[in-house]
Structures are given as structure tokens and as C-alpha cells.
Amino acid sequence: MFLNADLIESIEATPDTVLTLVDGRRIVVADDPEVVADRIIEFRASVLVSAAEMRNRSTPVATIHQ
């Protein structure tokens, strides 16, 4: 299952790890809260790296003609 990290409102260890989403739904996951948080941080960092790489390309991704 994949979950959009932007939908996570909170992460609790109760002792199960429970993700509470912005719409109030709750999901129990097998990973520790620290693992979930680390994966979110890694994903967001990868997005920033990809954006920086795209900006630094010598050829544009797309040309816009006006």
C-alpha cells in the first residue's frame, strides 16, 4: 500500500504504530514511527534533489513558445 505522506496528520505508537490522516481515518502499520518518519524525510529529500537536477540540466525539459 502506498500513502501520500501529505495526508498524514500524526503518527502514534500505542504500542502499534497508528497513522491518523487529515480526514480522521486511522491506519495501523507494522513499521515503527521513526521508520515511517525517516521514509517521509527520504522521499521529500529525493523530490528536492530531482527538482535541483532538473533545474541544472543544460537542455530544457520542455520549450514553451509564446
C-alpha atoms as a PDB file:
ATOM      1  CA  MET A   1       0.000   0.000   0.000  1.00  0.00           C
ATOM      2  CA  PHE A   2       1.218   3.472  -0.816  1.00  0.00           C
ATOM      3  CA  LEU A   3       0.088   6.506   1.157  1.00  0.00           C
ATOM      4  CA  ASN A   4       0.540  10.161   0.299  1.00  0.00           C
ATOM      5  CA  ALA A   5       2.648  11.471   3.193  1.00  0.00           C
ATOM      6  CA  ASP A   6       0.898  14.850   2.928  1.00  0.00           C
ATOM      7  CA  LEU A   7      -2.270  13.156   4.188  1.00  0.00           C
ATOM      8  CA  ILE A   8      -0.679  12.088   7.492  1.00  0.00           C
ATOM      9  CA  GLU A   9      -1.690  14.332  10.369  1.00  0.00           C
ATOM     10  CA  SER A  10       0.004  12.391  13.164  1.00  0.00           C
ATOM     11  CA  ILE A  11       1.957   9.220  13.947  1.00  0.00           C
ATOM     12  CA  GLU A  12       1.466   7.466  17.292  1.00  0.00           C
ATOM     13  CA  ALA A  13       2.968   4.406  18.973  1.00  0.00           C
ATOM     14  CA  THR A  14       0.136   2.896  21.045  1.00  0.00           C
ATOM     15  CA  PRO A  15       2.148   0.309  21.058  1.00  0.00           C
ATOM     16  CA  ASP A  16       1.120  -0.328  17.435  1.00  0.00           C
ATOM     17  CA  THR A  17       2.045   2.448  15.041  1.00  0.00           C
ATOM     18  CA  VAL A  18      -1.119   4.346  14.123  1.00  0.00           C
ATOM     19  CA  LEU A  19      -1.213   6.930  11.357  1.00  0.00           C
ATOM     20  CA  THR A  20      -4.023   9.438  11.669  1.00  0.00           C
ATOM     21  CA  LEU A  21      -4.926  11.056   8.370  1.00  0.00           C
ATOM     22  CA  VAL A  22      -6.209  14.588   7.832  1.00  0.00           C
ATOM     23  CA  ASP A  23      -9.719  13.241   7.251  1.00  0.00           C
ATOM     24  CA  GLY A  24      -9.710  11.414  10.610  1.00  0.00           C
ATOM     25  CA  ARG A  25      -9.164   7.896   9.258  1.00  0.00           C
ATOM     26  CA  ARG A  26      -6.638   5.813  11.150  1.00  0.00           C
ATOM     27  CA  ILE A  27      -4.281   3.232   9.686  1.00  0.00           C
ATOM     28  CA  VAL A  28      -2.226   0.722  11.702  1.00  0.00           C
ATOM     29  CA  VAL A  29       1.163  -0.073  10.150  1.00  0.00           C
ATOM     30  CA  ALA A  30       3.881  -2.588  11.023  1.00  0.00           C
ATOM     31  CA  ASP A  31       6.783  -0.101  10.975  1.00  0.00           C
ATOM     32  CA  ASP A  32       7.935   1.909  13.988  1.00  0.00           C
ATOM     33  CA  PRO A  33       7.052   5.627  13.963  1.00  0.00           C
ATOM     34  CA  GLU A  34      10.726   6.524  13.489  1.00  0.00           C
ATOM     35  CA  VAL A  35      10.895   4.359  10.342  1.00  0.00           C
ATOM     36  CA  VAL A  36       7.772   5.994   8.911  1.00  0.00           C
ATOM     37  CA  ALA A  37       9.150   9.473   9.617  1.00  0.00           C
ATOM     38  CA  ASP A  38      12.555   8.571   8.117  1.00  0.00           C
ATOM     39  CA  ARG A  39      10.897   7.292   4.938  1.00  0.00           C
ATOM     40  CA  ILE A  40       8.896  10.508   4.597  1.00  0.00           C
ATOM     41  CA  ILE A  41      12.056  12.581   5.047  1.00  0.00           C
ATOM     42  CA  GLU A  42      13.947  10.478   2.476  1.00  0.00           C
ATOM     43  CA  PHE A  43      11.107  10.774  -0.049  1.00  0.00           C
ATOM     44  CA  ARG A  44      10.837  14.550   0.321  1.00  0.00           C
ATOM     45  CA  ALA A  45      14.617  14.914   0.050  1.00  0.00           C
ATOM     46  CA  SER A  46      14.576  12.868  -3.168  1.00  0.00           C
ATOM     47  CA  VAL A  47      11.939  15.196  -4.616  1.00  0.00           C
ATOM     48  CA  LEU A  48      14.128  18.215  -3.843  1.00  0.00           C
ATOM     49  CA  VAL A  49      17.196  16.546  -5.368  1.00  0.00           C
ATOM     50  CA  SER A  50      15.252  15.684  -8.528  1.00  0.00           C
ATOM     51  CA  ALA A  51      13.996  19.259  -8.827  1.00  0.00           C
ATOM     52  CA  ALA A  52      17.531  20.618  -8.416  1.00  0.00           C
ATOM     53  CA  GLU A  53      18.842  18.209 -11.060  1.00  0.00           C
ATOM     54  CA  MET A  54      16.132  19.310 -13.484  1.00  0.00           C
ATOM     55  CA  ARG A  55      16.996  22.989 -12.929  1.00  0.00           C
ATOM     56  CA  ASN A  56      20.681  22.292 -13.571  1.00  0.00           C
ATOM     57  CA  ARG A  57      20.201  20.487 -16.907  1.00  0.00           C
ATOM     58  CA  SER A  58      21.824  22.168 -19.850  1.00  0.00           C
ATOM     59  CA  THR A  59      18.831  21.436 -22.081  1.00  0.00           C
ATOM     60  CA  PRO A  60      15.333  22.365 -21.010  1.00  0.00           C
ATOM     61  CA  VAL A  61      12.797  19.644 -20.335  1.00  0.00           C
ATOM     62  CA  ALA A  62      10.212  21.455 -22.423  1.00  0.00           C
ATOM     63  CA  THR A  63      10.252  24.567 -24.533  1.00  0.00           C
ATOM     64  CA  ILE A  64       7.320  26.928 -24.210  1.00  0.00           C
ATOM     65  CA  HIS A  65       6.593  29.092 -27.256  1.00  0.00           C
ATOM     66  CA  GLN A  66       4.601  32.234 -26.740  1.00  0.00           C
END
